[in-house]
Amino acid sequence: MTVSDSRPSRAYAPGAPSAPGVVEIDHLWSMFRVAGRENIIHQDLNLHIERGELVSLVGGSGSGKTVMLRTILGLEVPARGTVNVLGRPAAQLSDAGAAGRVGMLFQHGALFSAFSVLDNIAFPLRELKQLPESLIRDAALVKLQMVGLDAIHANKMPSDLSGGMIKRVALARALIMDPPLLLLDEPTAGLDPDSADAFCALIRSLHRELGLTVVMVTHDLDTLYELSTRVAVLADKHVIVHGAPKDVIAYPHPFIHDFFLGERGQRAMELLREYPFAV
């Protein structure tokens, strides 16, 4: 596979620190072969995420947001460039020694339909085959309560849960190994407004209390403004801007104007006055 040379991509990031980050993506090229032709998703893309940040990835359809999450997880191999997560190449996250360093909350929960709530949460620990069953059960119950669900729900099946409860159980499973990095794919998708607000409050609380670094893909502006300490915008195969929401909104680009400053965006911007940490 050949890749043509390109000038380095440098995302505009006001006050960006130079210290090593939790996620370090340098000169990333992502591409797929479709009908015999190479389809370039990311081209010489750079993104550094520091410890303790809650970064939202936004971009239009086909901009590579999901590919980015999969690359951070080590599920996609870059065509060129480096992706380091917590000090090691992302491709090594599947190694036994790295198990549990990254938690992942999938858009629709991705619970095992044949497993109870408790068994879903406990699954990653059981796969390690290193802990006694009594300890695994206790850890799963602690995480269940951590996400705001009582132990009486432990033996329920996913089919018995509401959408909001499914998200919480999936979040408990993502946290069962106490990962320092948490990835969220559209965390409030499919939830009614009240459930979405409650889930955002839970994520915000866990982010603060556990000292998590969070990378979130979302198209929901309410969620973005309520949670994000920084926003990274994917467009033109690059991260074109990475900074606090107020700085991102001010960056001149057609996607940013349409996404943030349209009628829907103007309504959502009211949240900036409620959550000053996001500005």
C-alpha atoms as a PDB file:
ATOM      1  CA  MET A   1       0.000   0.000   0.000  1.00  0.00           C
ATOM      2  CA  THR A   2       1.346   3.394  -0.924  1.00  0.00           C
ATOM      3  CA  VAL A   3       0.386   6.738   0.599  1.00  0.00           C
ATOM      4  CA  SER A   4       1.261  10.023  -1.039  1.00  0.00           C
ATOM      5  CA  ASP A   5       3.245  12.525   0.991  1.00  0.00           C
ATOM      6  CA  SER A   6       1.332  15.283   2.731  1.00  0.00           C
ATOM      7  CA  ARG A   7       2.179  18.253   4.888  1.00  0.00           C
ATOM      8  CA  PRO A   8       1.658  17.514   8.612  1.00  0.00           C
ATOM      9  CA  SER A   9      -1.814  18.252   9.927  1.00  0.00           C
ATOM     10  CA  ARG A  10      -1.875  20.516  12.981  1.00  0.00           C
ATOM     11  CA  ALA A  11      -5.247  20.977  14.647  1.00  0.00           C
ATOM     12  CA  TYR A  12      -5.855  24.408  16.116  1.00  0.00           C
ATOM     13  CA  ALA A  13      -5.796  23.879  19.900  1.00  0.00           C
ATOM     14  CA  PRO A  14      -5.528  27.020  22.062  1.00  0.00           C
ATOM     15  CA  GLY A  15      -3.083  26.503  24.913  1.00  0.00           C
ATOM     16  CA  ALA A  16      -2.429  22.874  23.962  1.00  0.00           C
ATOM     17  CA  PRO A  17       0.147  21.297  26.316  1.00  0.00           C
ATOM     18  CA  SER A  18       3.149  19.417  24.939  1.00  0.00           C
ATOM     19  CA  ALA A  19       3.405  16.782  27.697  1.00  0.00           C
ATOM     20  CA  PRO A  20       2.619  13.137  26.841  1.00  0.00           C
ATOM     21  CA  GLY A  21      -1.105  12.447  26.965  1.00  0.00           C
ATOM     22  CA  VAL A  22      -3.382   9.526  27.702  1.00  0.00           C
ATOM     23  CA  VAL A  23      -4.145   9.283  23.976  1.00  0.00           C
ATOM     24  CA  GLU A  24      -1.477  10.371  21.495  1.00  0.00           C
ATOM     25  CA  ILE A  25      -2.353  10.155  17.811  1.00  0.00           C
ATOM     26  CA  ASP A  26       0.401  11.369  15.514  1.00  0.00           C
ATOM     27  CA  HIS A  27       0.204  11.685  11.711  1.00  0.00           C
ATOM     28  CA  LEU A  28      -2.491   9.028  11.463  1.00  0.00           C
ATOM     29  CA  TRP A  29      -3.633   7.724   8.097  1.00  0.00           C
ATOM     30  CA  SER A  30      -6.704   5.435   8.067  1.00  0.00           C
ATOM     31  CA  MET A  31      -7.871   3.947   4.797  1.00  0.00           C
ATOM     32  CA  PHE A  32      -9.951   1.089   3.431  1.00  0.00           C
ATOM     33  CA  ARG A  33      -9.955  -0.525   0.023  1.00  0.00           C
ATOM     34  CA  VAL A  34     -13.391  -0.328  -1.626  1.00  0.00           C
ATOM     35  CA  ALA A  35     -13.992  -1.752  -5.122  1.00  0.00           C
ATOM     36  CA  GLY A  36     -10.265  -1.802  -5.741  1.00  0.00           C
ATOM     37  CA  ARG A  37      -9.736   1.813  -4.698  1.00  0.00           C
ATOM     38  CA  GLU A  38      -8.263   3.227  -1.497  1.00  0.00           C
ATOM     39  CA  ASN A  39     -10.757   5.269   0.515  1.00  0.00           C
ATOM     40  CA  ILE A  40      -8.865   7.627   2.841  1.00  0.00           C
ATOM     41  CA  ILE A  41     -10.702   8.338   6.119  1.00  0.00           C
ATOM     42  CA  HIS A  42      -7.982  10.138   8.103  1.00  0.00           C
ATOM     43  CA  GLN A  43      -5.021  11.852   6.494  1.00  0.00           C
ATOM     44  CA  ASP A  44      -2.016  12.912   8.586  1.00  0.00           C
ATOM     45  CA  LEU A  45      -4.294  13.444  11.599  1.00  0.00           C
ATOM     46  CA  ASN A  46      -3.008  14.554  15.009  1.00  0.00           C
ATOM     47  CA  LEU A  47      -4.818  14.475  18.365  1.00  0.00           C
ATOM     48  CA  HIS A  48      -3.462  14.488  21.922  1.00  0.00           C
ATOM     49  CA  ILE A  49      -5.780  13.974  24.906  1.00  0.00           C
ATOM     50  CA  GLU A  50      -4.538  14.766  28.391  1.00  0.00           C
ATOM     51  CA  ARG A  51      -5.283  12.952  31.629  1.00  0.00           C
ATOM     52  CA  GLY A  52      -8.616  13.907  33.198  1.00  0.00           C
ATOM     53  CA  GLU A  53     -10.108  15.491  30.091  1.00  0.00           C
ATOM     54  CA  LEU A  54     -13.574  14.690  28.772  1.00  0.00           C
ATOM     55  CA  VAL A  55     -13.220  15.121  25.018  1.00  0.00           C
ATOM     56  CA  SER A  56     -16.114  14.969  22.559  1.00  0.00           C
ATOM     57  CA  LEU A  57     -15.400  13.863  19.000  1.00  0.00           C
ATOM     58  CA  VAL A  58     -17.797  15.403  16.502  1.00  0.00           C
ATOM     59  CA  GLY A  59     -17.956  15.367  12.727  1.00  0.00           C
ATOM     60  CA  GLY A  60     -20.206  14.738   9.786  1.00  0.00           C
ATOM     61  CA  SER A  61     -21.227  11.351   8.424  1.00  0.00           C
ATOM     62  CA  GLY A  62     -18.178   9.547   7.089  1.00  0.00           C
ATOM     63  CA  SER A  63     -15.693  11.732   8.957  1.00  0.00           C
ATOM     64  CA  GLY A  64     -14.284   8.715  10.791  1.00  0.00           C
ATOM     65  CA  LYS A  65     -15.508   9.144  14.360  1.00  0.00           C
ATOM     66  CA  THR A  66     -16.197   5.432  14.876  1.00  0.00           C
ATOM     67  CA  VAL A  67     -12.979   4.504  13.080  1.00  0.00           C
ATOM     68  CA  MET A  68     -11.170   6.769  15.527  1.00  0.00           C
ATOM     69  CA  LEU A  69     -12.673   4.971  18.543  1.00  0.00           C
ATOM     70  CA  ARG A  70     -11.821   1.577  17.038  1.00  0.00           C
ATOM     71  CA  THR A  71      -8.273   2.756  16.397  1.00  0.00           C
ATOM     72  CA  ILE A  72      -7.881   3.930  19.990  1.00  0.00           C
ATOM     73  CA  LEU A  73      -9.170   0.520  21.107  1.00  0.00           C
ATOM     74  CA  GLY A  74      -6.600  -1.182  18.901  1.00  0.00           C
ATOM     75  CA  LEU A  75      -9.264  -2.773  16.688  1.00  0.00           C
ATOM     76  CA  GLU A  76      -8.121  -0.862  13.584  1.00  0.00           C
ATOM     77  CA  VAL A  77      -4.497  -0.756  12.450  1.00  0.00           C
ATOM     78  CA  PRO A  78      -3.306   2.577  11.032  1.00  0.00           C
ATOM     79  CA  ALA A  79      -2.016   2.594   7.479  1.00  0.00           C
ATOM     80  CA  ARG A  80       0.575   5.108   8.671  1.00  0.00           C
ATOM     81  CA  GLY A  81       1.309   7.028  11.849  1.00  0.00           C
ATOM     82  CA  THR A  82       1.237   6.090  15.522  1.00  0.00           C
ATOM     83  CA  VAL A  83      -1.535   5.709  18.089  1.00  0.00           C
ATOM     84  CA  ASN A  84      -0.387   5.377  21.693  1.00  0.00           C
ATOM     85  CA  VAL A  85      -2.811   4.844  24.552  1.00  0.00           C
ATOM     86  CA  LEU A  86      -1.704   5.099  28.170  1.00  0.00           C
ATOM     87  CA  GLY A  87       1.926   4.963  27.119  1.00  0.00           C
ATOM     88  CA  ARG A  88       1.848   2.004  24.767  1.00  0.00           C
ATOM     89  CA  PRO A  89       0.786   1.292  21.165  1.00  0.00           C
ATOM     90  CA  ALA A  90      -2.981   0.889  20.914  1.00  0.00           C
ATOM     91  CA  ALA A  91      -2.499  -2.454  19.149  1.00  0.00           C
ATOM     92  CA  GLN A  92      -1.113  -3.871  22.413  1.00  0.00           C
ATOM     93  CA  LEU A  93      -4.300  -3.180  24.393  1.00  0.00           C
ATOM     94  CA  SER A  94      -5.511  -6.710  23.677  1.00  0.00           C
ATOM     95  CA  ASP A  95      -2.461  -8.171  25.461  1.00  0.00           C
ATOM     96  CA  ALA A  96      -3.130  -9.808  28.814  1.00  0.00           C
ATOM     97  CA  GLY A  97      -1.019  -7.244  30.652  1.00  0.00           C
ATOM     98  CA  ALA A  98      -3.127  -4.399  29.278  1.00  0.00           C
ATOM     99  CA  ALA A  99      -6.526  -5.949  29.963  1.00  0.00           C
ATOM    100  CA  GLY A 100      -8.970  -3.494  31.431  1.00  0.00           C
ATOM    101  CA  ARG A 101      -6.992  -0.309  30.728  1.00  0.00           C
ATOM    102  CA  VAL A 102      -9.745   1.016  28.442  1.00  0.00           C
ATOM    103  CA  GLY A 103     -13.490   0.725  29.073  1.00  0.00           C
ATOM    104  CA  MET A 104     -15.947   0.940  26.189  1.00  0.00           C
ATOM    105  CA  LEU A 105     -19.630   1.875  26.269  1.00  0.00           C
ATOM    106  CA  PHE A 106     -21.241   0.942  22.961  1.00  0.00           C
ATOM    107  CA  GLN A 107     -24.083   2.985  21.502  1.00  0.00           C
ATOM    108  CA  HIS A 108     -26.851   0.455  22.207  1.00  0.00           C
ATOM    109  CA  GLY A 109     -25.213  -1.155  25.232  1.00  0.00           C
ATOM    110  CA  ALA A 110     -24.247  -4.410  23.460  1.00  0.00           C
ATOM    111  CA  LEU A 111     -25.346  -6.495  26.443  1.00  0.00           C
ATOM    112  CA  PHE A 112     -25.390 -10.270  26.078  1.00  0.00           C
ATOM    113  CA  SER A 113     -29.085 -11.099  25.792  1.00  0.00           C
ATOM    114  CA  ALA A 114     -28.663 -14.548  27.359  1.00  0.00           C
ATOM    115  CA  PHE A 115     -26.808 -13.204  30.412  1.00  0.00           C
ATOM    116  CA  SER A 116     -28.316 -11.618  33.501  1.00  0.00           C
ATOM    117  CA  VAL A 117     -27.396  -8.075  34.532  1.00  0.00           C
ATOM    118  CA  LEU A 118     -24.849  -9.388  37.025  1.00  0.00           C
ATOM    119  CA  ASP A 119     -23.316 -11.793  34.518  1.00  0.00           C
ATOM    120  CA  ASN A 120     -23.013  -9.056  31.916  1.00  0.00           C
ATOM    121  CA  ILE A 121     -21.150  -6.817  34.326  1.00  0.00           C
ATOM    122  CA  ALA A 122     -18.943  -9.641  35.598  1.00  0.00           C
ATOM    123  CA  PHE A 123     -18.066 -10.993  32.142  1.00  0.00           C
ATOM    124  CA  PRO A 124     -14.695  -9.177  31.685  1.00  0.00           C
ATOM    125  CA  LEU A 125     -13.461 -10.281  35.126  1.00  0.00           C
ATOM    126  CA  ARG A 126     -14.496 -13.877  34.523  1.00  0.00           C
ATOM    127  CA  GLU A 127     -12.645 -13.889  31.206  1.00  0.00           C
ATOM    128  CA  LEU A 128      -9.403 -13.184  33.088  1.00  0.00           C
ATOM    129  CA  LYS A 129      -9.806 -16.420  35.099  1.00  0.00           C
ATOM    130  CA  GLN A 130      -7.752 -14.914  37.933  1.00  0.00           C
ATOM    131  CA  LEU A 131     -10.281 -14.140  40.680  1.00  0.00           C
ATOM    132  CA  PRO A 132     -12.602 -16.258  42.833  1.00  0.00           C
ATOM    133  CA  GLU A 133     -16.276 -16.159  41.912  1.00  0.00           C
ATOM    134  CA  SER A 134     -17.276 -14.574  45.230  1.00  0.00           C
ATOM    135  CA  LEU A 135     -14.955 -11.622  44.613  1.00  0.00           C
ATOM    136  CA  ILE A 136     -16.169 -11.237  41.033  1.00  0.00           C
ATOM    137  CA  ARG A 137     -19.773 -11.153  42.195  1.00  0.00           C
ATOM    138  CA  ASP A 138     -19.028  -8.563  44.877  1.00  0.00           C
ATOM    139  CA  ALA A 139     -17.172  -6.362  42.386  1.00  0.00           C
ATOM    140  CA  ALA A 140     -20.066  -6.554  39.916  1.00  0.00           C
ATOM    141  CA  LEU A 141     -22.551  -5.563  42.620  1.00  0.00           C
ATOM    142  CA  VAL A 142     -20.389  -2.583  43.605  1.00  0.00           C
ATOM    143  CA  LYS A 143     -20.296  -1.386  39.997  1.00  0.00           C
ATOM    144  CA  LEU A 144     -24.052  -1.898  39.676  1.00  0.00           C
ATOM    145  CA  GLN A 145     -24.626   0.397  42.634  1.00  0.00           C
ATOM    146  CA  MET A 146     -22.004   2.836  41.322  1.00  0.00           C
ATOM    147  CA  VAL A 147     -24.144   3.462  38.226  1.00  0.00           C
ATOM    148  CA  GLY A 148     -27.262   4.052  40.319  1.00  0.00           C
ATOM    149  CA  LEU A 149     -28.978   0.656  40.190  1.00  0.00           C
ATOM    150  CA  ASP A 150     -29.991  -1.426  43.199  1.00  0.00           C
ATOM    151  CA  ALA A 151     -28.897  -5.015  43.737  1.00  0.00           C
ATOM    152  CA  ILE A 152     -32.508  -6.155  43.152  1.00  0.00           C
ATOM    153  CA  HIS A 153     -31.825  -5.705  39.415  1.00  0.00           C
ATOM    154  CA  ALA A 154     -28.821  -8.059  39.385  1.00  0.00           C
ATOM    155  CA  ASN A 155     -30.751 -11.143  38.253  1.00  0.00           C
ATOM    156  CA  LYS A 156     -32.869  -9.397  35.608  1.00  0.00           C
ATOM    157  CA  MET A 157     -32.339 -10.093  31.928  1.00  0.00           C
ATOM    158  CA  PRO A 158     -31.580  -7.319  29.404  1.00  0.00           C
ATOM    159  CA  SER A 159     -35.052  -7.768  27.895  1.00  0.00           C
ATOM    160  CA  ASP A 160     -36.531  -6.666  31.237  1.00  0.00           C
ATOM    161  CA  LEU A 161     -34.638  -3.364  31.303  1.00  0.00           C
ATOM    162  CA  SER A 162     -35.534   0.110  30.076  1.00  0.00           C
ATOM    163  CA  GLY A 163     -33.233   1.906  27.662  1.00  0.00           C
ATOM    164  CA  GLY A 164     -31.745   3.972  30.445  1.00  0.00           C
ATOM    165  CA  MET A 165     -31.085   0.899  32.582  1.00  0.00           C
ATOM    166  CA  ILE A 166     -29.388  -0.869  29.672  1.00  0.00           C
ATOM    167  CA  LYS A 167     -27.014   2.082  29.334  1.00  0.00           C
ATOM    168  CA  ARG A 168     -26.233   1.976  33.052  1.00  0.00           C
ATOM    169  CA  VAL A 169     -25.561  -1.770  33.068  1.00  0.00           C
ATOM    170  CA  ALA A 170     -23.322  -1.393  30.013  1.00  0.00           C
ATOM    171  CA  LEU A 171     -21.481   1.440  31.771  1.00  0.00           C
ATOM    172  CA  ALA A 172     -21.004  -0.732  34.864  1.00  0.00           C
ATOM    173  CA  ARG A 173     -19.494  -3.440  32.652  1.00  0.00           C
ATOM    174  CA  ALA A 174     -17.175  -0.863  31.021  1.00  0.00           C
ATOM    175  CA  LEU A 175     -15.958   0.156  34.496  1.00  0.00           C
ATOM    176  CA  ILE A 176     -15.613  -3.309  36.041  1.00  0.00           C
ATOM    177  CA  MET A 177     -11.823  -3.383  35.487  1.00  0.00           C
ATOM    178  CA  ASP A 178     -11.361   0.161  36.871  1.00  0.00           C
ATOM    179  CA  PRO A 179      -9.977   1.538  33.598  1.00  0.00           C
ATOM    180  CA  PRO A 180      -8.307   4.969  33.585  1.00  0.00           C
ATOM    181  CA  LEU A 181      -9.682   5.636  30.079  1.00  0.00           C
ATOM    182  CA  LEU A 182     -13.367   5.372  29.121  1.00  0.00           C
ATOM    183  CA  LEU A 183     -14.694   5.518  25.548  1.00  0.00           C
ATOM    184  CA  LEU A 184     -18.357   6.403  24.935  1.00  0.00           C
ATOM    185  CA  ASP A 185     -20.142   5.948  21.617  1.00  0.00           C
ATOM    186  CA  GLU A 186     -23.276   8.140  21.491  1.00  0.00           C
ATOM    187  CA  PRO A 187     -23.983   7.629  25.218  1.00  0.00           C
ATOM    188  CA  THR A 188     -27.410   9.308  25.227  1.00  0.00           C
ATOM    189  CA  ALA A 189     -28.673   8.030  21.867  1.00  0.00           C
ATOM    190  CA  GLY A 190     -32.190   6.597  22.139  1.00  0.00           C
ATOM    191  CA  LEU A 191     -32.903   8.051  25.570  1.00  0.00           C
ATOM    192  CA  ASP A 192     -35.763  10.403  26.379  1.00  0.00           C
ATOM    193  CA  PRO A 193     -34.726  13.862  27.627  1.00  0.00           C
ATOM    194  CA  ASP A 194     -35.107  13.068  31.326  1.00  0.00           C
ATOM    195  CA  SER A 195     -33.144   9.799  31.019  1.00  0.00           C
ATOM    196  CA  ALA A 196     -30.469  11.543  28.939  1.00  0.00           C
ATOM    197  CA  ASP A 197     -30.088  14.273  31.559  1.00  0.00           C
ATOM    198  CA  ALA A 198     -29.790  11.691  34.337  1.00  0.00           C
ATOM    199  CA  PHE A 199     -27.223   9.689  32.391  1.00  0.00           C
ATOM    200  CA  CYS A 200     -25.164  12.810  31.681  1.00  0.00           C
ATOM    201  CA  ALA A 201     -25.210  13.627  35.394  1.00  0.00           C
ATOM    202  CA  LEU A 202     -23.964  10.091  36.139  1.00  0.00           C
ATOM    203  CA  ILE A 203     -21.105  10.342  33.639  1.00  0.00           C
ATOM    204  CA  ARG A 204     -20.130  13.762  34.951  1.00  0.00           C
ATOM    205  CA  SER A 205     -20.077  12.451  38.519  1.00  0.00           C
ATOM    206  CA  LEU A 206     -18.032   9.349  37.651  1.00  0.00           C
ATOM    207  CA  HIS A 207     -15.612  11.408  35.572  1.00  0.00           C
ATOM    208  CA  ARG A 208     -14.955  13.647  38.547  1.00  0.00           C
ATOM    209  CA  GLU A 209     -14.961  11.059  41.348  1.00  0.00           C
ATOM    210  CA  LEU A 210     -12.903   8.374  39.561  1.00  0.00           C
ATOM    211  CA  GLY A 211     -10.504  10.734  37.838  1.00  0.00           C
ATOM    212  CA  LEU A 212     -11.344   9.233  34.457  1.00  0.00           C
ATOM    213  CA  THR A 213     -10.177  10.403  31.072  1.00  0.00           C
ATOM    214  CA  VAL A 214     -13.175  10.169  28.729  1.00  0.00           C
ATOM    215  CA  VAL A 215     -13.397  10.225  24.937  1.00  0.00           C
ATOM    216  CA  MET A 216     -16.961  10.500  23.681  1.00  0.00           C
ATOM    217  CA  VAL A 217     -18.495  10.420  20.211  1.00  0.00           C
ATOM    218  CA  THR A 218     -21.760  12.340  20.165  1.00  0.00           C
ATOM    219  CA  HIS A 219     -23.981  14.273  17.795  1.00  0.00           C
ATOM    220  CA  ASP A 220     -26.194  15.501  20.639  1.00  0.00           C
ATOM    221  CA  LEU A 221     -25.330  19.099  21.424  1.00  0.00           C
ATOM    222  CA  ASP A 222     -26.994  19.084  24.838  1.00  0.00           C
ATOM    223  CA  THR A 223     -24.780  16.158  25.876  1.00  0.00           C
ATOM    224  CA  LEU A 224     -21.711  17.793  24.355  1.00  0.00           C
ATOM    225  CA  TYR A 225     -22.158  21.101  26.163  1.00  0.00           C
ATOM    226  CA  GLU A 226     -23.083  19.479  29.454  1.00  0.00           C
ATOM    227  CA  LEU A 227     -20.090  17.138  29.611  1.00  0.00           C
ATOM    228  CA  SER A 228     -17.197  18.274  27.429  1.00  0.00           C
ATOM    229  CA  THR A 229     -14.076  19.928  28.771  1.00  0.00           C
ATOM    230  CA  ARG A 230     -12.772  19.962  25.197  1.00  0.00           C
ATOM    231  CA  VAL A 231     -14.139  19.216  21.723  1.00  0.00           C
ATOM    232  CA  ALA A 232     -12.282  17.760  18.727  1.00  0.00           C
ATOM    233  CA  VAL A 233     -13.858  18.325  15.312  1.00  0.00           C
ATOM    234  CA  LEU A 234     -13.215  15.821  12.518  1.00  0.00           C
ATOM    235  CA  ALA A 235     -13.529  17.283   9.031  1.00  0.00           C
ATOM    236  CA  ASP A 236     -11.551  17.224   5.795  1.00  0.00           C
ATOM    237  CA  LYS A 237      -9.844  14.014   7.016  1.00  0.00           C
ATOM    238  CA  HIS A 238      -8.194  15.899   9.918  1.00  0.00           C
ATOM    239  CA  VAL A 239      -8.920  17.139  13.418  1.00  0.00           C
ATOM    240  CA  ILE A 240      -9.412  20.726  12.304  1.00  0.00           C
ATOM    241  CA  VAL A 241      -9.822  22.153  15.812  1.00  0.00           C
ATOM    242  CA  HIS A 242      -9.433  20.810  19.351  1.00  0.00           C
ATOM    243  CA  GLY A 243     -10.227  23.038  22.298  1.00  0.00           C
ATOM    244  CA  ALA A 244     -12.798  24.300  24.764  1.00  0.00           C
ATOM    245  CA  PRO A 245     -16.311  24.539  23.307  1.00  0.00           C
ATOM    246  CA  LYS A 246     -16.226  28.341  23.122  1.00  0.00           C
ATOM    247  CA  ASP A 247     -12.976  28.223  21.111  1.00  0.00           C
ATOM    248  CA  VAL A 248     -14.256  25.509  18.795  1.00  0.00           C
ATOM    249  CA  ILE A 249     -17.438  27.442  18.039  1.00  0.00           C
ATOM    250  CA  ALA A 250     -15.355  30.477  17.059  1.00  0.00           C
ATOM    251  CA  TYR A 251     -13.254  28.521  14.565  1.00  0.00           C
ATOM    252  CA  PRO A 252     -14.189  29.406  10.968  1.00  0.00           C
ATOM    253  CA  HIS A 253     -15.295  26.286   9.097  1.00  0.00           C
ATOM    254  CA  PRO A 254     -18.552  25.425   7.277  1.00  0.00           C
ATOM    255  CA  PHE A 255     -19.195  22.256   9.307  1.00  0.00           C
ATOM    256  CA  ILE A 256     -18.702  24.086  12.604  1.00  0.00           C
ATOM    257  CA  HIS A 257     -21.049  26.872  11.524  1.00  0.00           C
ATOM    258  CA  ASP A 258     -23.780  24.429  10.462  1.00  0.00           C
ATOM    259  CA  PHE A 259     -23.372  22.074  13.433  1.00  0.00           C
ATOM    260  CA  PHE A 260     -22.983  24.541  16.287  1.00  0.00           C
ATOM    261  CA  LEU A 261     -24.591  27.741  15.083  1.00  0.00           C
ATOM    262  CA  GLY A 262     -27.765  26.521  13.404  1.00  0.00           C
ATOM    263  CA  GLU A 263     -31.157  26.811  15.097  1.00  0.00           C
ATOM    264  CA  ARG A 264     -30.650  23.597  17.060  1.00  0.00           C
ATOM    265  CA  GLY A 265     -27.175  24.666  18.055  1.00  0.00           C
ATOM    266  CA  GLN A 266     -28.336  28.058  19.292  1.00  0.00           C
ATOM    267  CA  ARG A 267     -30.810  26.377  21.654  1.00  0.00           C
ATOM    268  CA  ALA A 268     -28.188  23.989  22.983  1.00  0.00           C
ATOM    269  CA  MET A 269     -25.685  26.799  23.593  1.00  0.00           C
ATOM    270  CA  GLU A 270     -27.800  27.931  26.539  1.00  0.00           C
ATOM    271  CA  LEU A 271     -26.159  25.067  28.431  1.00  0.00           C
ATOM    272  CA  LEU A 272     -22.830  26.891  28.283  1.00  0.00           C
ATOM    273  CA  ARG A 273     -24.206  29.296  30.878  1.00  0.00           C
ATOM    274  CA  GLU A 274     -25.184  26.398  33.165  1.00  0.00           C
ATOM    275  CA  TYR A 275     -21.926  24.422  32.988  1.00  0.00           C
ATOM    276  CA  PRO A 276     -19.040  26.906  33.219  1.00  0.00           C
ATOM    277  CA  PHE A 277     -16.377  24.142  33.213  1.00  0.00           C
ATOM    278  CA  ALA A 278     -17.261  23.562  29.548  1.00  0.00           C
ATOM    279  CA  VAL A 279     -16.227  27.050  28.498  1.00  0.00           C
END
